Amino acid sequence: YQDVGVGRVDNPDTAQMIYAYEYNGSANYTGAESYVSLVYLGAKPQRGDDLYELGKITTNWWLFSGGNEDWQRAPSDEASRYQRMSESIEDDVYWNDVFRNRNNFMNLISTGPFERIAPDSSVNVVFAVVCGKKFGTAPTSSDNAVTRRNLVENVSWAQRAYHGEDSNRNGVLDFLGSDSSEDVNGNGRLDRYILPTPPDAPRVKVIPGSGTVTLMWDDSAEESIDFISKQKDFEGYRVYRSFLGSDREDTGIFDNMQLVHEYDLINDRFYDTGLESVRMETPLVEIGSDPFTGLPDTITYRYQLQIDNLHNGWQYAFAVSAFDSGDVKLNLPSLESSRLQNVILVSPGTPPRQPGSNLQVGVYPNPYRTGAIWDGGFERERKLHFYNLPRNCEVRIYTIAGDLVDSFEHRGDFYRGEDILWYQNFSEGNTVFPGGEHAWDLVTDSDQAIATGLYLFTVKDNDTGEVHKGKFVIIK
């Protein structure tokens, strides 16, 4: 049983809806201080339909248990249903017996009629169910323009989403000369079901170094157009990063990223930090791939930020988001692109050995102790790093007796940590490495964990033939 009050709004400029609310709470309930409504958003009749009147609705109510009056009873056959849908309830009945009266009402909102529906076809009629908390502190039985303020605001967003590019809501793609005033994305048709969107996420490049990571990003976000306001409303960038050990947290490395830098336009809207401190004097132009089509695309990186005081061998996540200015008129806060759209995993470390420089390869941690902080919980989730490696080389590991323990090839330009389980479990397979480091999982080529002891290694530069010898200690 519903103990509700009901009402309607039929104003194409604000809302066309019927609504209900709990008129008064019972002894066991305090009453729901909210509205629920059925909202007419629009319809698309078939071509050539001269009968349908766009925006015309009819509204009706009857009692769940029926009554003595005709309007109180549910329509019982096709003819009475059509009649009920084609005409609204009489005004005197609505104002005297329905509006602001509590009862167990059934509600109906309709639009039509349509002149024709061709065989094997359909017409599109769109309604929305919209709720809203009552505005103010009036009793639950109150119903007026003030208490409906939140509901009408929510309805307005449903309307904006439905109409999308159709700014004047006439169902026609309007043109001014050869330029469309509504077709924001240029696809030649009206796009509906559009919600406010943040700027596009910038395209990001990372360059790891020893103890540092350099971020670069382009300015494509600054050309983003909001489909609701049809304006370029870019405001600024935010830089996020993870911290030591975040990749081993239960929530994952991405959920543990924190805001570390923010840069916005100087326009008295946010912090007015400006973008000049990160703008590159000479942009970097690269041929990359379009993130949506995969086709070759020219990327011009215009911003650069260097993050220092990082630890080699650890994995960090970095992301750059773009945010807009919001819209005061629409009561819309600033929107921000997702950090996950361009997040990149990176492991700082030494770059490849430069041609002509001394071949001095090392290992860290050395000595390696079981249970290093970055290790996982299983034997195969351990690792140590070889650093200062040549770009292309072979690494061989021996016992002090000269027995071969393991060997691997290092290709600095393509290495992604794919040969050990640690990066399979704690990375996404796309970690960016500096080119001069390679992680080893302390497992022999016979698939056994190595024991405590002193180990020797050799590194052969495959491009020059030079060989470096070194040693490291394992303590378990």
Protein backbone atom coordinates (compact mmCIF):
# COMPACT_ATOMS: atom_id res chain seq x y z
CA TYR A 1 0.00 0.00 0.00
CA GLN A 2 1.30 3.43 -0.97
CA ASP A 3 0.44 6.39 1.21
CA VAL A 4 1.67 9.02 -1.20
CA GLY A 5 1.05 12.46 -2.52
CA VAL A 6 1.37 13.00 -6.26
CA GLY A 7 1.69 15.83 -8.75
CA ARG A 8 2.75 16.83 -12.23
CA VAL A 9 4.85 19.40 -14.03
CA ASP A 10 4.19 20.06 -17.71
CA ASN A 11 6.61 22.75 -18.76
CA PRO A 12 8.88 21.91 -21.73
CA ASP A 13 11.35 24.55 -20.54
CA THR A 14 11.84 22.96 -17.11
CA ALA A 15 10.31 19.48 -16.83
CA GLN A 16 7.52 17.25 -18.08
CA MET A 17 6.88 14.69 -15.41
CA ILE A 18 4.64 13.09 -12.87
CA TYR A 19 5.96 12.52 -9.39
CA ALA A 20 5.13 10.97 -6.04
CA TYR A 21 6.32 11.43 -2.47
CA GLU A 22 5.47 9.96 0.91
CA TYR A 23 2.75 12.17 2.23
CA ASN A 24 3.18 11.31 5.88
CA GLY A 25 5.25 8.75 7.77
CA SER A 26 3.47 5.96 9.62
CA ALA A 27 4.00 5.09 13.28
CA ASN A 28 6.80 2.67 12.38
CA TYR A 29 8.61 4.85 9.86
CA THR A 30 9.86 8.40 9.86
CA GLY A 31 8.94 9.02 6.23
CA ALA A 32 11.07 9.22 3.12
CA GLU A 33 12.09 12.81 2.47
CA SER A 34 12.41 12.40 -1.28
CA TYR A 35 10.62 12.41 -4.62
CA VAL A 36 10.45 9.80 -7.35
CA SER A 37 9.35 10.88 -10.80
CA LEU A 38 8.65 9.59 -14.30
CA VAL A 39 10.01 12.11 -16.78
CA TYR A 40 9.26 12.42 -20.48
CA LEU A 41 12.47 13.26 -22.31
CA GLY A 42 11.57 12.99 -25.97
CA ALA A 43 10.53 10.86 -28.90
CA LYS A 44 11.62 10.26 -32.47
CA PRO A 45 8.66 9.54 -34.75
CA GLN A 46 9.12 7.97 -38.15
CA ARG A 47 9.92 10.22 -41.07
CA GLY A 48 6.85 12.00 -42.43
CA ASP A 49 4.78 11.68 -39.25
CA ASP A 50 2.73 14.90 -39.24
CA LEU A 51 0.41 13.76 -36.47
CA TYR A 52 2.81 13.47 -33.55
CA GLU A 53 3.26 16.68 -31.62
CA LEU A 54 6.75 16.77 -30.13
CA GLY A 55 6.63 17.55 -26.43
CA LYS A 56 2.95 16.74 -25.89
CA ILE A 57 2.26 14.61 -22.82
CA THR A 58 -0.83 13.37 -20.99
CA THR A 59 -0.99 12.56 -17.29
CA ASN A 60 -3.41 10.36 -15.37
CA TRP A 61 -3.96 8.81 -11.95
CA TRP A 62 -6.33 6.23 -10.54
CA LEU A 63 -6.64 4.32 -7.29
CA PHE A 64 -5.05 0.93 -6.84
CA SER A 65 -8.26 -0.50 -5.34
CA GLY A 66 -10.58 1.42 -7.67
CA GLY A 67 -13.52 3.56 -6.61
CA ASN A 68 -16.92 4.86 -7.56
CA GLU A 69 -15.72 7.56 -9.97
CA ASP A 70 -14.61 6.64 -13.48
CA TRP A 71 -11.21 8.29 -13.03
CA GLN A 72 -10.59 6.22 -9.89
CA ARG A 73 -10.79 2.91 -11.79
CA ALA A 74 -8.04 1.36 -13.92
CA PRO A 75 -8.82 1.09 -17.65
CA SER A 76 -10.13 -2.41 -18.34
CA ASP A 77 -9.85 -2.88 -22.11
CA GLU A 78 -7.90 -1.62 -25.13
CA ALA A 79 -10.37 1.12 -25.94
CA SER A 80 -10.38 2.53 -22.42
CA ARG A 81 -6.59 2.29 -22.21
CA TYR A 82 -6.23 4.25 -25.45
CA GLN A 83 -8.72 6.82 -24.23
CA ARG A 84 -6.88 7.20 -20.91
CA MET A 85 -3.52 7.64 -22.69
CA SER A 86 -4.84 10.17 -25.21
CA GLU A 87 -6.32 12.64 -22.71
CA SER A 88 -5.08 13.93 -19.37
CA ILE A 89 -7.19 13.68 -16.25
CA GLU A 90 -9.66 16.57 -16.00
CA ASP A 91 -8.19 19.66 -14.38
CA ASP A 92 -10.84 19.98 -11.68
CA VAL A 93 -10.33 16.34 -10.68
CA TYR A 94 -6.57 16.82 -10.58
CA TRP A 95 -6.65 19.96 -8.45
CA ASN A 96 -9.45 18.84 -6.11
CA ASP A 97 -8.94 15.09 -5.72
CA VAL A 98 -5.37 14.25 -6.76
CA PHE A 99 -2.83 17.02 -6.17
CA ARG A 100 -1.55 17.12 -2.56
CA ASN A 101 -4.00 14.41 -1.54
CA ARG A 102 -2.73 11.25 0.11
CA ASN A 103 -3.86 7.92 -1.34
CA ASN A 104 -2.74 4.71 -3.01
CA PHE A 105 -2.35 6.29 -6.45
CA MET A 106 -1.34 4.60 -9.70
CA ASN A 107 0.46 6.96 -12.09
CA LEU A 108 0.57 7.18 -15.89
CA ILE A 109 2.43 9.53 -18.22
CA SER A 110 1.99 9.17 -21.99
CA THR A 111 2.89 10.83 -25.27
CA GLY A 112 1.35 10.47 -28.71
CA PRO A 113 -0.41 9.57 -30.87
CA PHE A 114 1.95 8.58 -33.67
CA GLU A 115 0.57 8.59 -37.18
CA ARG A 116 2.17 5.38 -38.35
CA ILE A 117 4.66 2.66 -37.48
CA ALA A 118 5.88 0.84 -40.56
CA PRO A 119 6.03 -2.97 -40.50
CA ASP A 120 9.11 -4.40 -38.79
CA SER A 121 10.03 -0.99 -37.39
CA SER A 122 9.56 1.04 -34.23
CA VAL A 123 9.47 4.52 -32.80
CA ASN A 124 11.73 5.63 -30.01
CA VAL A 125 10.14 7.15 -26.90
CA VAL A 126 12.37 7.99 -23.95
CA PHE A 127 11.37 8.30 -20.30
CA ALA A 128 13.57 8.54 -17.23
CA VAL A 129 13.05 7.60 -13.59
CA VAL A 130 14.52 10.47 -11.57
CA CYS A 131 14.70 10.85 -7.81
CA GLY A 132 15.59 13.78 -5.61
CA LYS A 133 15.77 14.60 -1.91
CA LYS A 134 13.25 17.19 -0.79
CA PHE A 135 14.80 20.61 -0.44
CA GLY A 136 14.54 22.37 2.89
CA THR A 137 13.12 21.29 6.23
CA ALA A 138 9.38 21.42 5.53
CA PRO A 139 7.19 18.47 6.67
CA THR A 140 7.11 15.44 4.36
CA SER A 141 3.55 16.33 3.38
CA SER A 142 4.73 19.61 1.85
CA ASP A 143 4.96 19.87 -1.93
CA ASN A 144 5.82 23.09 -3.74
CA ALA A 145 8.38 24.62 -6.07
CA VAL A 146 10.87 24.97 -3.21
CA THR A 147 10.67 21.37 -1.97
CA ARG A 148 10.96 20.17 -5.59
CA ARG A 149 14.14 22.17 -6.24
CA ASN A 150 16.54 19.20 -6.05
CA LEU A 151 14.21 17.04 -8.11
CA VAL A 152 13.94 19.63 -10.88
CA GLU A 153 17.73 20.04 -10.88
CA ASN A 154 18.19 16.28 -11.30
CA VAL A 155 15.57 16.22 -14.03
CA SER A 156 17.42 18.99 -15.84
CA TRP A 157 20.54 16.79 -15.95
CA ALA A 158 18.53 13.89 -17.36
CA GLN A 159 17.27 16.27 -20.04
CA ARG A 160 20.76 17.55 -20.84
CA ALA A 161 22.06 14.01 -21.14
CA TYR A 162 19.23 12.97 -23.44
CA HIS A 163 19.31 16.01 -25.72
CA GLY A 164 23.12 15.97 -25.91
CA GLU A 165 24.23 18.02 -28.89
CA ASP A 166 20.65 19.17 -29.60
CA SER A 167 21.09 22.54 -27.91
CA ASN A 168 17.70 24.00 -28.87
CA ARG A 169 15.96 20.62 -28.45
CA ASN A 170 14.18 20.75 -31.79
CA GLY A 171 15.38 17.32 -32.92
CA VAL A 172 17.19 18.79 -35.93
CA LEU A 173 20.91 19.17 -36.56
CA ASP A 174 21.19 22.92 -37.09
CA PHE A 175 23.82 24.49 -39.33
CA LEU A 176 25.24 27.97 -39.63
CA GLY A 177 26.61 28.22 -43.14
CA SER A 178 28.93 25.26 -43.61
CA ASP A 179 29.70 24.92 -39.90
CA SER A 180 27.40 23.06 -37.56
CA SER A 181 26.48 24.92 -34.40
CA GLU A 182 25.65 21.65 -32.66
CA ASP A 183 27.68 18.82 -34.23
CA VAL A 184 30.61 19.05 -31.81
CA ASN A 185 32.33 15.83 -32.87
CA GLY A 186 31.64 16.35 -36.57
CA ASN A 187 29.98 13.00 -37.28
CA GLY A 188 27.03 14.53 -39.14
CA ARG A 189 24.30 13.55 -36.69
CA LEU A 190 22.85 14.59 -33.36
CA ASP A 191 24.42 12.59 -30.55
CA ARG A 192 22.24 12.06 -27.50
CA TYR A 193 22.85 10.57 -24.04
CA ILE A 194 25.82 12.82 -23.37
CA LEU A 195 26.96 13.62 -19.85
CA PRO A 196 29.51 16.24 -18.78
CA THR A 197 32.99 14.97 -19.51
CA PRO A 198 36.44 15.92 -18.23
CA PRO A 199 39.19 16.90 -20.67
CA ASP A 200 40.95 14.12 -22.54
CA ALA A 201 43.83 12.60 -20.64
CA PRO A 202 47.20 13.77 -21.99
CA ARG A 203 49.54 11.29 -23.62
CA VAL A 204 52.47 10.58 -21.32
CA LYS A 205 56.05 9.43 -21.81
CA VAL A 206 58.44 8.40 -19.02
CA ILE A 207 62.24 8.28 -19.11
CA PRO A 208 63.78 6.47 -16.11
CA GLY A 209 67.26 7.35 -14.88
CA SER A 210 69.34 6.53 -11.85
CA GLY A 211 67.27 7.72 -8.90
CA THR A 212 65.01 9.77 -11.12
CA VAL A 213 62.11 9.64 -13.57
CA THR A 214 61.34 12.30 -16.18
CA LEU A 215 57.69 12.71 -17.17
CA MET A 216 56.65 14.27 -20.47
CA TRP A 217 53.13 14.90 -21.71
CA ASP A 218 51.39 16.57 -24.63
CA ASP A 219 48.80 19.37 -24.66
CA SER A 220 45.96 17.48 -26.39
CA ALA A 221 43.80 17.90 -23.26
CA GLU A 222 43.78 21.66 -23.78
CA GLU A 223 41.80 21.25 -27.02
CA SER A 224 39.07 19.13 -25.41
CA ILE A 225 35.52 20.40 -25.89
CA ASP A 226 32.85 19.74 -23.28
CA PHE A 227 29.82 18.32 -25.09
CA ILE A 228 27.39 19.99 -22.69
CA SER A 229 28.77 23.53 -22.70
CA LYS A 230 30.39 23.14 -26.15
CA GLN A 231 33.34 25.11 -24.79
CA LYS A 232 37.02 24.40 -24.28
CA ASP A 233 37.08 24.37 -20.49
CA PHE A 234 40.53 22.93 -19.75
CA GLU A 235 41.96 24.25 -16.49
CA GLY A 236 45.10 22.32 -15.55
CA TYR A 237 47.09 19.14 -14.90
CA ARG A 238 47.62 16.95 -11.85
CA VAL A 239 50.55 14.57 -11.39
CA TYR A 240 50.18 11.41 -9.29
CA ARG A 241 52.70 8.82 -8.14
CA SER A 242 52.92 5.73 -5.97
CA PHE A 243 55.46 5.16 -3.21
CA LEU A 244 57.80 2.39 -2.06
CA GLY A 245 56.07 -0.96 -1.70
CA SER A 246 52.71 0.16 -3.10
CA ASP A 247 52.86 -2.61 -5.70
CA ARG A 248 52.67 -5.21 -2.93
CA GLU A 249 49.68 -3.68 -1.14
CA ASP A 250 46.41 -5.63 -1.28
CA THR A 251 44.71 -2.68 -3.00
CA GLY A 252 47.37 -2.56 -5.72
CA ILE A 253 49.83 0.05 -6.87
CA PHE A 254 47.29 2.16 -8.79
CA ASP A 255 44.95 2.68 -5.85
CA ASN A 256 47.86 3.93 -3.75
CA MET A 257 48.88 6.79 -6.03
CA GLN A 258 48.88 10.23 -4.41
CA LEU A 259 48.75 13.75 -5.80
CA VAL A 260 52.23 15.31 -5.81
CA HIS A 261 51.98 18.25 -8.25
CA GLU A 262 49.26 20.46 -9.69
CA TYR A 263 49.54 23.07 -12.43
CA ASP A 264 46.64 25.27 -13.56
CA LEU A 265 45.95 28.30 -15.71
CA ILE A 266 46.27 31.76 -14.19
CA ASN A 267 42.63 32.87 -14.24
CA ASP A 268 41.59 33.27 -10.57
CA ARG A 269 39.78 29.91 -10.50
CA PHE A 270 42.19 27.55 -8.72
CA TYR A 271 45.72 28.06 -7.39
CA ASP A 272 46.99 30.06 -10.38
CA THR A 273 50.31 28.19 -10.46
CA GLY A 274 50.61 28.55 -14.22
CA LEU A 275 52.01 26.03 -16.68
CA GLU A 276 55.28 27.74 -17.52
CA SER A 277 57.34 25.93 -14.89
CA VAL A 278 56.83 22.61 -16.69
CA ARG A 279 56.59 23.85 -20.28
CA MET A 280 59.48 22.68 -22.46
CA GLU A 281 61.45 25.31 -24.35
CA THR A 282 61.85 22.87 -27.24
CA PRO A 283 59.00 20.36 -27.57
CA LEU A 284 59.82 16.71 -28.29
CA VAL A 285 58.15 15.32 -31.40
CA GLU A 286 57.75 11.54 -31.79
CA ILE A 287 55.81 9.21 -34.04
CA GLY A 288 53.57 7.12 -31.81
CA SER A 289 50.21 5.41 -32.20
CA ASP A 290 46.71 6.76 -31.75
CA PRO A 291 45.28 5.25 -28.52
CA PHE A 292 41.89 4.64 -30.17
CA THR A 293 42.76 3.55 -33.73
CA GLY A 294 46.27 2.21 -33.27
CA LEU A 295 47.35 4.07 -36.41
CA PRO A 296 50.61 6.05 -36.54
CA ASP A 297 50.25 9.46 -34.96
CA THR A 298 52.58 12.37 -34.32
CA ILE A 299 52.88 13.21 -30.62
CA THR A 300 54.33 16.54 -29.53
CA TYR A 301 55.38 16.52 -25.88
CA ARG A 302 55.26 20.08 -24.52
CA TYR A 303 55.56 19.58 -20.76
CA GLN A 304 58.30 17.99 -18.68
CA LEU A 305 58.68 17.24 -14.97
CA GLN A 306 61.60 15.50 -13.30
CA ILE A 307 60.92 13.47 -10.15
CA ASP A 308 64.06 12.94 -8.06
CA ASN A 309 65.03 11.05 -4.89
CA LEU A 310 63.65 7.74 -6.17
CA HIS A 311 65.14 4.34 -5.39
CA ASN A 312 66.64 2.23 -8.16
CA GLY A 313 65.03 -1.17 -8.72
CA TRP A 314 61.74 -0.21 -7.11
CA GLN A 315 58.60 0.03 -9.17
CA TYR A 316 56.60 3.27 -9.26
CA ALA A 317 53.35 4.26 -10.94
CA PHE A 318 53.00 7.71 -12.47
CA ALA A 319 49.97 9.37 -14.07
CA VAL A 320 49.06 12.81 -15.37
CA SER A 321 45.40 13.83 -15.36
CA ALA A 322 43.69 16.88 -16.86
CA PHE A 323 40.86 18.76 -15.14
CA ASP A 324 38.42 21.41 -16.26
CA SER A 325 37.04 24.57 -14.68
CA GLY A 326 33.57 23.24 -13.90
CA ASP A 327 30.43 25.27 -14.60
CA VAL A 328 28.97 27.57 -11.96
CA LYS A 329 25.78 28.17 -13.96
CA LEU A 330 25.06 24.44 -14.11
CA ASN A 331 26.22 23.85 -10.53
CA LEU A 332 28.81 21.47 -11.97
CA PRO A 333 32.10 20.93 -10.11
CA SER A 334 35.44 20.56 -11.84
CA LEU A 335 35.81 17.22 -13.61
CA GLU A 336 39.09 15.32 -13.90
CA SER A 337 40.22 12.64 -16.33
CA SER A 338 40.94 9.19 -14.94
CA ARG A 339 44.43 8.54 -13.65
CA LEU A 340 44.19 5.04 -15.14
CA GLN A 341 43.98 6.36 -18.70
CA ASN A 342 47.71 7.05 -18.95
CA VAL A 343 49.22 5.48 -15.83
CA ILE A 344 52.70 4.08 -16.46
CA LEU A 345 54.79 1.74 -14.33
CA VAL A 346 58.48 2.56 -14.26
CA SER A 347 61.59 1.24 -12.52
CA PRO A 348 64.40 3.80 -12.08
CA GLY A 349 67.95 2.59 -12.57
CA THR A 350 71.13 2.96 -14.57
CA PRO A 351 70.99 3.52 -18.32
CA PRO A 352 72.90 1.21 -20.69
CA ARG A 353 76.67 1.45 -20.61
CA GLN A 354 77.82 4.12 -23.04
CA PRO A 355 80.16 3.03 -25.88
CA GLY A 356 83.78 3.57 -24.93
CA SER A 357 83.15 3.73 -21.18
CA ASN A 358 84.50 1.21 -18.69
CA LEU A 359 82.45 -1.95 -18.28
CA GLN A 360 81.72 -1.91 -14.54
CA VAL A 361 78.65 -4.05 -13.78
CA GLY A 362 77.34 -4.40 -10.23
CA VAL A 363 74.61 -6.16 -8.27
CA TYR A 364 72.21 -4.84 -5.63
CA PRO A 365 71.33 -5.54 -2.93
CA ASN A 366 74.73 -7.02 -2.21
CA PRO A 367 74.72 -8.89 0.01
CA TYR A 368 71.18 -10.07 -0.70
CA ARG A 369 69.29 -11.13 2.42
CA THR A 370 66.15 -13.28 2.24
CA GLY A 371 63.06 -11.23 2.84
CA ALA A 372 64.13 -8.03 1.13
CA ILE A 373 61.36 -5.46 1.43
CA TRP A 374 60.47 -5.62 -2.25
CA ASP A 375 60.24 -9.43 -2.28
CA GLY A 376 56.93 -11.24 -2.54
CA GLY A 377 55.81 -14.03 -0.26
CA PHE A 378 57.03 -16.94 -2.38
CA GLU A 379 60.43 -18.26 -3.41
CA ARG A 380 59.97 -17.22 -7.04
CA GLU A 381 58.89 -13.70 -6.06
CA ARG A 382 62.41 -12.66 -5.03
CA LYS A 383 64.79 -10.57 -7.09
CA LEU A 384 68.10 -8.78 -7.22
CA HIS A 385 69.29 -6.39 -9.93
CA PHE A 386 72.31 -6.27 -12.20
CA TYR A 387 73.13 -2.66 -13.10
CA ASN A 388 75.39 -0.75 -15.51
CA LEU A 389 74.75 -3.46 -18.10
CA PRO A 390 75.61 -2.94 -21.77
CA ARG A 391 72.60 -2.49 -24.03
CA ASN A 392 72.99 -6.02 -25.44
CA CYS A 393 74.82 -8.56 -23.33
CA GLU A 394 74.91 -12.05 -21.85
CA VAL A 395 74.99 -12.58 -18.06
CA ARG A 396 76.27 -15.88 -16.63
CA ILE A 397 76.19 -16.77 -12.91
CA TYR A 398 78.50 -19.37 -11.29
CA THR A 399 79.22 -20.97 -7.95
CA ILE A 400 82.69 -20.42 -6.52
CA ALA A 401 83.47 -23.94 -7.76
CA GLY A 402 82.82 -22.78 -11.32
CA ASP A 403 79.49 -24.55 -11.86
CA LEU A 404 77.02 -22.64 -14.04
CA VAL A 405 73.99 -21.59 -12.00
CA ASP A 406 71.99 -19.63 -14.56
CA SER A 407 72.37 -17.38 -17.59
CA PHE A 408 70.24 -14.90 -19.50
CA GLU A 409 70.39 -12.50 -22.42
CA HIS A 410 69.79 -8.81 -21.78
CA ARG A 411 68.23 -6.63 -24.49
CA GLY A 412 67.96 -3.21 -22.91
CA ASP A 413 65.66 -1.68 -25.51
CA PHE A 414 63.03 -4.39 -25.09
CA TYR A 415 63.44 -5.65 -21.52
CA ARG A 416 60.20 -5.56 -19.48
CA GLY A 417 61.00 -7.96 -16.62
CA GLU A 418 59.02 -10.71 -18.31
CA ASP A 419 61.47 -13.50 -17.45
CA ILE A 420 60.79 -13.57 -13.69
CA LEU A 421 57.61 -14.15 -11.69
CA TRP A 422 57.91 -10.96 -9.64
CA TYR A 423 56.98 -8.72 -12.57
CA GLN A 424 54.31 -11.16 -13.72
CA ASN A 425 52.59 -10.87 -10.34
CA PHE A 426 53.26 -7.25 -9.36
CA SER A 427 53.39 -5.51 -12.72
CA GLU A 428 51.15 -5.16 -15.76
CA GLY A 429 53.79 -6.37 -18.19
CA ASN A 430 54.51 -2.83 -19.36
CA THR A 431 56.98 -1.53 -16.78
CA VAL A 432 59.47 0.87 -18.33
CA PHE A 433 63.10 0.09 -17.48
CA PRO A 434 66.17 2.30 -17.98
CA GLY A 435 67.89 -0.18 -20.30
CA GLY A 436 70.95 -0.87 -18.17
CA GLU A 437 69.39 -3.06 -15.46
CA HIS A 438 68.04 -6.61 -15.36
CA ALA A 439 66.32 -8.41 -12.47
CA TRP A 440 67.11 -12.03 -11.59
CA ASP A 441 64.90 -14.26 -9.42
CA LEU A 442 67.64 -16.29 -7.63
CA VAL A 443 66.44 -19.52 -9.27
CA THR A 444 68.88 -21.80 -11.12
CA ASP A 445 68.48 -23.04 -14.66
CA SER A 446 67.55 -26.37 -13.03
CA ASP A 447 64.55 -24.64 -11.44
CA GLN A 448 65.96 -24.68 -7.89
CA ALA A 449 66.36 -21.84 -5.40
CA ILE A 450 70.00 -20.97 -4.82
CA ALA A 451 71.60 -21.47 -1.42
CA THR A 452 73.51 -19.14 0.86
CA GLY A 453 76.98 -18.41 -0.44
CA LEU A 454 79.31 -16.40 -2.63
CA TYR A 455 78.52 -16.34 -6.35
CA LEU A 456 80.49 -15.18 -9.34
CA PHE A 457 79.15 -13.66 -12.56
CA THR A 458 80.38 -12.60 -15.95
CA VAL A 459 78.87 -10.06 -18.32
CA LYS A 460 79.79 -10.18 -21.99
CA ASP A 461 79.02 -7.14 -24.15
CA ASN A 462 77.62 -8.72 -27.31
CA ASP A 463 78.43 -5.63 -29.36
CA THR A 464 82.12 -5.27 -28.37
CA GLY A 465 83.04 -8.69 -26.97
CA GLU A 466 84.27 -7.17 -23.69
CA VAL A 467 83.77 -9.25 -20.54
CA HIS A 468 83.34 -8.04 -16.96
CA LYS A 469 83.63 -10.28 -13.88
CA GLY A 470 82.02 -9.69 -10.50
CA LYS A 471 80.61 -11.36 -7.41
CA PHE A 472 77.75 -11.12 -4.95
CA VAL A 473 76.68 -12.76 -1.70
CA ILE A 474 73.40 -14.49 -0.83
CA ILE A 475 72.41 -14.80 2.84
CA LYS A 476 69.42 -16.96 3.75
